[in-house]
Protein backbone atom coordinates (compact mmCIF):
# COMPACT_ATOMS: atom_id res chain seq x y z
CA MET A 1 28.63 54.55 -30.45
CA GLU A 2 25.86 55.89 -32.69
CA LEU A 3 22.86 58.12 -32.04
CA ARG A 4 20.48 55.19 -32.51
CA HIS A 5 22.15 53.43 -29.55
CA LEU A 6 21.39 56.49 -27.44
CA ARG A 7 17.76 56.46 -28.64
CA TYR A 8 17.39 52.80 -27.65
CA PHE A 9 18.91 53.43 -24.22
CA VAL A 10 16.76 56.51 -23.52
CA ALA A 11 13.60 54.64 -24.54
CA VAL A 12 14.39 51.78 -22.13
CA VAL A 13 15.08 54.19 -19.28
CA GLU A 14 11.91 56.20 -19.86
CA GLU A 15 9.67 53.17 -20.29
CA GLN A 16 11.38 51.29 -17.41
CA SER A 17 10.88 48.15 -19.45
CA PHE A 18 12.57 46.48 -22.43
CA THR A 19 9.19 45.20 -23.62
CA LYS A 20 7.49 48.62 -23.58
CA ALA A 21 10.55 50.30 -25.10
CA ALA A 22 10.59 47.76 -27.95
CA GLU A 23 6.93 48.50 -28.65
CA LYS A 24 7.62 52.23 -28.65
CA LEU A 25 10.53 51.78 -31.06
CA PHE A 26 8.60 49.33 -33.29
CA ILE A 27 11.25 46.65 -32.90
CA ALA A 28 11.43 43.22 -31.30
CA GLN A 29 12.65 42.92 -27.69
CA PRO A 30 15.58 40.47 -28.20
CA PRO A 31 17.41 42.74 -30.72
CA LEU A 32 16.85 45.74 -28.43
CA SER A 33 18.32 43.84 -25.47
CA ARG A 34 21.35 42.91 -27.59
CA GLN A 35 21.92 46.55 -28.56
CA ILE A 36 21.85 47.64 -24.89
CA GLN A 37 24.25 44.83 -23.98
CA ASN A 38 26.58 45.95 -26.77
CA LEU A 39 26.39 49.53 -25.46
CA GLU A 40 27.31 48.40 -21.94
CA ALA A 41 30.19 46.38 -23.35
CA GLU A 42 31.46 49.39 -25.30
CA LEU A 43 31.29 51.63 -22.22
CA ASP A 44 32.55 48.84 -19.97
CA ILE A 45 29.96 49.74 -17.33
CA GLN A 46 26.61 48.43 -16.14
CA LEU A 47 23.81 50.84 -17.05
CA PHE A 48 20.89 49.04 -15.39
CA GLU A 49 20.45 47.35 -12.02
CA ARG A 50 19.97 43.69 -12.76
CA GLY A 51 16.72 42.17 -11.53
CA SER A 52 15.06 45.47 -10.60
CA ARG A 53 11.31 45.79 -11.27
CA PRO A 54 10.52 48.25 -12.64
CA LEU A 55 13.83 48.61 -14.43
CA LYS A 56 16.19 51.12 -12.76
CA THR A 57 19.46 52.67 -13.90
CA THR A 58 22.71 52.48 -11.99
CA GLU A 59 24.32 55.74 -10.90
CA ALA A 60 26.48 55.64 -14.02
CA GLY A 61 23.42 54.80 -16.09
CA GLN A 62 21.53 57.84 -14.76
CA PHE A 63 24.48 60.10 -15.59
CA PHE A 64 24.66 58.62 -19.07
CA TYR A 65 20.90 59.03 -19.53
CA GLN A 66 20.95 62.75 -18.69
CA HIS A 67 23.69 63.47 -21.20
CA ALA A 68 22.18 61.15 -23.83
CA VAL A 69 18.93 63.13 -23.69
CA LYS A 70 20.84 66.38 -24.23
CA LEU A 71 22.82 64.94 -27.14
CA LEU A 72 19.71 63.59 -28.83
CA SER A 73 17.91 66.89 -28.36
CA ASN A 74 20.81 68.81 -29.87
CA ALA A 75 21.10 66.34 -32.74
CA GLU A 76 17.39 66.57 -33.54
CA GLU A 77 17.50 70.37 -33.48
CA ILE A 78 20.49 70.46 -35.81
CA LYS A 79 18.94 67.89 -38.14
CA SER A 80 15.56 69.59 -38.17
CA MET A 81 16.94 73.05 -38.95
CA THR A 82 19.30 71.73 -41.60
CA LYS A 83 16.54 69.80 -43.33
CA ARG A 84 14.19 72.75 -43.27
CA ILE A 85 16.87 74.80 -45.02
CA GLY A 86 18.11 72.18 -47.45
CA ILE A 87 15.21 69.91 -48.38
CA ALA A 88 12.37 72.30 -49.17
CA ASP A 89 10.64 70.38 -51.95
CA ARG A 90 12.92 67.30 -52.26
CA THR A 91 11.36 64.03 -53.40
CA ILE A 92 12.77 60.50 -53.59
CA THR A 93 10.90 57.94 -55.68
CA ILE A 94 11.32 54.27 -54.76
CA GLY A 95 10.46 51.32 -56.98
CA PHE A 96 9.83 47.92 -55.39
CA VAL A 97 8.56 44.43 -56.12
CA GLY A 98 5.39 43.77 -54.13
CA SER A 99 6.56 40.67 -52.24
CA LEU A 100 9.28 42.65 -50.45
CA LEU A 101 6.67 44.65 -48.53
CA PHE A 102 5.73 41.48 -46.63
CA GLY A 103 9.29 41.27 -45.36
CA LEU A 104 11.57 43.96 -43.98
CA LEU A 105 11.09 46.61 -46.67
CA SER A 106 7.96 48.02 -45.04
CA ARG A 107 9.87 48.48 -41.75
CA ILE A 108 12.83 50.02 -43.58
CA LEU A 109 10.64 52.55 -45.37
CA PHE A 110 8.72 53.38 -42.19
CA LEU A 111 11.99 54.06 -40.35
CA PHE A 112 13.31 56.09 -43.29
CA LYS A 113 10.18 58.26 -43.26
CA GLN A 114 10.42 58.81 -39.50
CA GLN A 115 14.06 59.87 -39.77
CA HIS A 116 13.43 62.21 -42.71
CA PRO A 117 9.98 63.75 -42.16
CA TYR A 118 10.65 66.70 -44.51
CA LEU A 119 11.52 64.46 -47.44
CA LYS A 120 8.67 63.57 -49.78
CA ILE A 121 8.73 59.83 -50.50
CA GLU A 122 6.85 58.28 -53.41
CA MET A 123 6.56 54.52 -53.89
CA MET A 124 5.93 52.69 -57.16
CA GLU A 125 5.34 48.95 -57.47
CA MET A 126 7.16 47.50 -60.48
CA ASN A 127 9.13 44.39 -61.39
CA THR A 128 12.91 44.41 -61.50
CA TYR A 129 13.12 44.90 -65.28
CA GLU A 130 10.79 47.88 -65.06
CA GLN A 131 12.90 49.31 -62.24
CA ILE A 132 16.06 49.21 -64.35
CA GLN A 133 14.38 51.11 -67.18
CA ALA A 134 12.75 53.56 -64.75
CA LEU A 135 16.13 54.28 -63.13
CA LYS A 136 17.73 55.02 -66.49
CA GLU A 137 14.83 57.28 -67.46
CA GLY A 138 14.90 59.11 -64.11
CA ARG A 139 11.37 58.07 -63.12
CA ILE A 140 12.62 56.48 -59.88
CA ASP A 141 15.71 57.13 -57.74
CA VAL A 142 16.19 53.69 -56.23
CA GLY A 143 14.74 50.22 -56.72
CA PHE A 144 14.31 47.12 -54.56
CA GLY A 145 14.09 43.83 -56.47
CA ARG A 146 15.01 40.16 -56.49
CA LEU A 147 16.54 39.49 -59.93
CA ARG A 148 20.20 39.59 -60.95
CA ILE A 149 20.00 41.98 -63.89
CA SER A 150 23.23 43.64 -65.03
CA ASP A 151 23.30 47.01 -66.76
CA PRO A 152 26.34 49.29 -67.13
CA ALA A 153 24.25 52.32 -66.13
CA ILE A 154 23.00 50.75 -62.89
CA LYS A 155 24.73 50.00 -59.60
CA ARG A 156 23.25 46.98 -57.87
CA VAL A 157 23.93 46.09 -54.21
CA LEU A 158 23.10 42.69 -52.75
CA LEU A 159 21.48 43.41 -49.38
CA ARG A 160 20.88 39.82 -48.33
CA GLU A 161 19.70 36.40 -49.50
CA GLU A 162 16.29 35.39 -48.18
CA ARG A 163 15.60 31.69 -47.58
CA LEU A 164 12.79 30.04 -49.52
CA VAL A 165 9.98 28.09 -47.88
CA VAL A 166 7.19 25.79 -49.01
CA ALA A 167 3.63 26.79 -48.17
CA ALA A 168 1.27 23.84 -47.68
CA HIS A 169 -2.20 23.30 -46.21
CA ALA A 170 -2.05 21.93 -42.67
CA SER A 171 -3.65 18.69 -43.90
CA HIS A 172 -1.06 18.17 -46.66
CA VAL A 173 1.22 15.14 -46.35
CA LEU A 174 4.30 17.45 -46.26
CA ALA A 175 2.90 20.08 -43.90
CA GLN A 176 4.33 18.69 -40.65
CA ARG A 177 7.89 18.24 -41.92
CA GLU A 178 10.65 20.31 -40.30
CA SER A 179 12.31 20.88 -43.69
CA LEU A 180 12.00 19.81 -47.32
CA HIS A 181 14.14 19.38 -50.41
CA LEU A 182 13.24 20.49 -53.91
CA SER A 183 13.38 16.87 -55.07
CA GLU A 184 10.34 16.14 -52.88
CA LEU A 185 8.27 18.74 -54.74
CA VAL A 186 8.80 17.55 -58.31
CA ASP A 187 5.60 15.46 -58.35
CA GLN A 188 3.51 17.90 -56.30
CA GLN A 189 0.99 20.37 -57.72
CA LEU A 190 3.23 23.42 -57.47
CA PHE A 191 2.11 27.06 -57.63
CA LEU A 192 4.54 29.82 -58.59
CA TYR A 193 4.11 33.51 -59.37
CA PRO A 194 3.95 35.93 -61.17
CA ASN A 195 2.78 35.07 -64.67
CA THR A 196 4.38 38.03 -66.45
CA GLY A 197 6.24 37.27 -69.65
CA LYS A 198 9.76 38.40 -68.62
CA ALA A 199 12.16 36.84 -66.13
CA ASN A 200 10.65 36.96 -62.65
CA PHE A 201 10.45 35.08 -59.36
CA ALA A 202 8.83 32.07 -61.08
CA THR A 203 11.71 31.75 -63.56
CA GLN A 204 14.15 32.25 -60.71
CA VAL A 205 12.66 29.30 -58.79
CA ARG A 206 12.61 27.14 -61.94
CA GLY A 207 16.29 27.99 -62.38
CA ILE A 208 17.00 26.74 -58.85
CA PHE A 209 15.29 23.45 -59.70
CA SER A 210 17.52 23.25 -62.79
CA GLU A 211 20.63 23.71 -60.64
CA TYR A 212 19.78 20.34 -59.11
CA GLY A 213 18.81 18.73 -62.41
CA LEU A 214 15.11 18.82 -61.50
CA GLU A 215 11.97 19.98 -63.27
CA PRO A 216 8.51 20.25 -61.66
CA LYS A 217 5.95 18.05 -63.42
CA ASN A 218 2.75 19.78 -62.24
CA LEU A 219 3.46 23.48 -62.40
CA ARG A 220 0.92 26.30 -62.38
CA ILE A 221 1.99 29.94 -62.55
CA VAL A 222 -0.51 32.53 -61.25
CA ARG A 223 -0.68 36.32 -61.17
CA GLU A 224 0.64 37.10 -57.69
CA LEU A 225 1.86 35.72 -54.36
CA GLN A 226 -1.43 36.19 -52.52
CA LEU A 227 -3.30 34.23 -55.20
CA ALA A 228 -0.79 31.38 -55.07
CA LEU A 229 -1.11 31.16 -51.28
CA GLY A 230 -4.89 31.34 -51.60
CA PHE A 231 -4.88 28.24 -53.79
CA VAL A 232 -2.65 26.47 -51.26
CA ALA A 233 -4.95 27.47 -48.39
CA ALA A 234 -7.79 25.90 -50.39
CA GLY A 235 -5.87 22.61 -50.50
CA GLU A 236 -4.99 22.80 -54.21
CA GLY A 237 -1.25 22.17 -53.89
CA VAL A 238 1.93 23.76 -52.52
CA CYS A 239 3.78 26.99 -53.25
CA ILE A 240 7.42 28.08 -53.03
CA ALA A 241 7.85 31.61 -51.64
CA PRO A 242 10.35 33.75 -49.70
CA GLU A 243 10.21 33.14 -45.95
CA SER A 244 8.73 36.62 -45.42
CA ALA A 245 5.52 35.28 -47.04
CA GLN A 246 4.79 33.82 -43.61
CA ASN A 247 3.59 37.31 -42.67
CA ILE A 248 0.57 36.77 -44.93
CA LYS A 249 -1.84 35.18 -42.49
CA LEU A 250 -4.15 32.58 -44.04
CA ALA A 251 -5.95 29.88 -42.05
CA HIS A 252 -4.50 26.35 -42.04
CA LEU A 253 -1.35 27.40 -43.90
CA ASN A 254 1.98 25.90 -42.84
CA PHE A 255 5.42 27.03 -44.00
CA ILE A 256 8.28 24.54 -44.24
CA PRO A 257 11.90 25.69 -44.85
CA LEU A 258 13.72 24.40 -47.94
CA ALA A 259 17.02 22.79 -46.96
CA ASP A 260 18.72 23.03 -50.37
CA ALA A 261 21.70 25.39 -50.35
CA PHE A 262 20.61 27.27 -53.48
CA ALA A 263 17.03 27.72 -52.26
CA VAL A 264 17.37 31.45 -51.63
CA SER A 265 16.02 34.62 -53.20
CA PRO A 266 18.41 37.59 -53.28
CA VAL A 267 17.25 41.08 -52.32
CA PHE A 268 18.92 43.86 -54.30
CA MET A 269 18.94 47.63 -54.03
CA ALA A 270 19.62 49.38 -57.34
CA MET A 271 20.43 52.98 -58.25
CA ARG A 272 21.98 54.92 -61.10
CA ASN A 273 25.69 54.21 -61.35
CA MET A 274 26.88 57.78 -60.81
CA ASP A 275 24.23 58.83 -58.30
CA GLU A 276 25.91 60.09 -55.12
CA SER A 277 22.72 61.42 -53.48
CA GLU A 278 22.95 61.69 -49.72
CA TYR A 279 19.40 60.40 -49.41
CA ILE A 280 20.32 57.11 -51.01
CA ARG A 281 23.00 56.79 -48.35
CA TYR A 282 20.41 57.61 -45.69
CA LEU A 283 18.21 54.86 -47.13
CA PHE A 284 21.09 52.42 -46.86
CA ASP A 285 21.48 53.48 -43.23
CA ALA A 286 17.82 52.63 -42.58
CA VAL A 287 18.29 49.22 -44.24
CA TYR A 288 21.25 48.33 -42.07
CA GLN A 289 19.64 49.63 -38.88
CA VAL A 290 16.77 47.21 -39.40
CA TYR A 291 19.20 44.42 -40.28
CA ASP A 292 21.13 45.13 -37.06
CA LEU A 293 17.97 44.82 -35.01
CA GLU A 294 17.12 41.53 -36.73
CA ALA A 295 20.70 40.24 -36.29
CA LEU A 296 21.02 39.72 -40.07
CA LYS A 297 24.46 39.45 -41.64
CA TYR A 298 25.43 41.91 -44.37
CA ASP A 299 28.49 43.48 -45.98
CA ARG A 300 28.39 47.22 -45.33
CA SER A 301 31.59 47.73 -47.35
CA VAL A 302 29.66 47.49 -50.63
CA PHE A 303 28.30 51.03 -50.13
């Protein structure tokens, strides 16, 4: 049992609703319900009266709630006083590739900030190559990127592999398909991004095509993800992007999953090889808390 499980339970009790508690916690309702179910399974008791409206605790649930509130209060007091003493003017600088903010990274960083309010957090957008150099020069403390770049001075942790999707205008011949294969895109006007000179997401996608012995015939590489999707929304062609790009809301834009096994984009967290900072570990904790709530698989043993 972890403190976050107690926070989830207390929020549900106080809001008397899973829906309202999820809104208060900035998470989706299904993952919250799963966490409460897991807590009940661990305790081997029923905490809430089933079917009650508004939601009510059982006798055991009320007892657990009272003590959970005390534990959380004590934990917050201890954490607050310790941070006031130890942090003072501490800063952590985080490098990231822009597309990750449309996915879970924004939620991870928000949670991290809420859990460590006395820590100054600075964010710098940069590609993965720039992150590696910035880490070695001490300009950033941690980086979030998508490319597999090896460097003996850098420790790189694979957080997850994000599925790729095809963005198409609703009127496009492929827009109503449930899934697509890369082979069906070879003859399409295809937009990729970015158009920087070094290895990037565009070269990563072209490499996936090569894995299947394919090469797009009508390829256009533009500056950034939003521009590529803008062209697609204007009916100019299709675009391959991580599935989190669906959070960019443009009219008449459909997203179709790619069914090919290699059609994924890895998400890495990188840090200096000998860096044992506790705040990097806290950042990992925030990552995996969000992954838990989204029911995403990961290997916590890597860090």
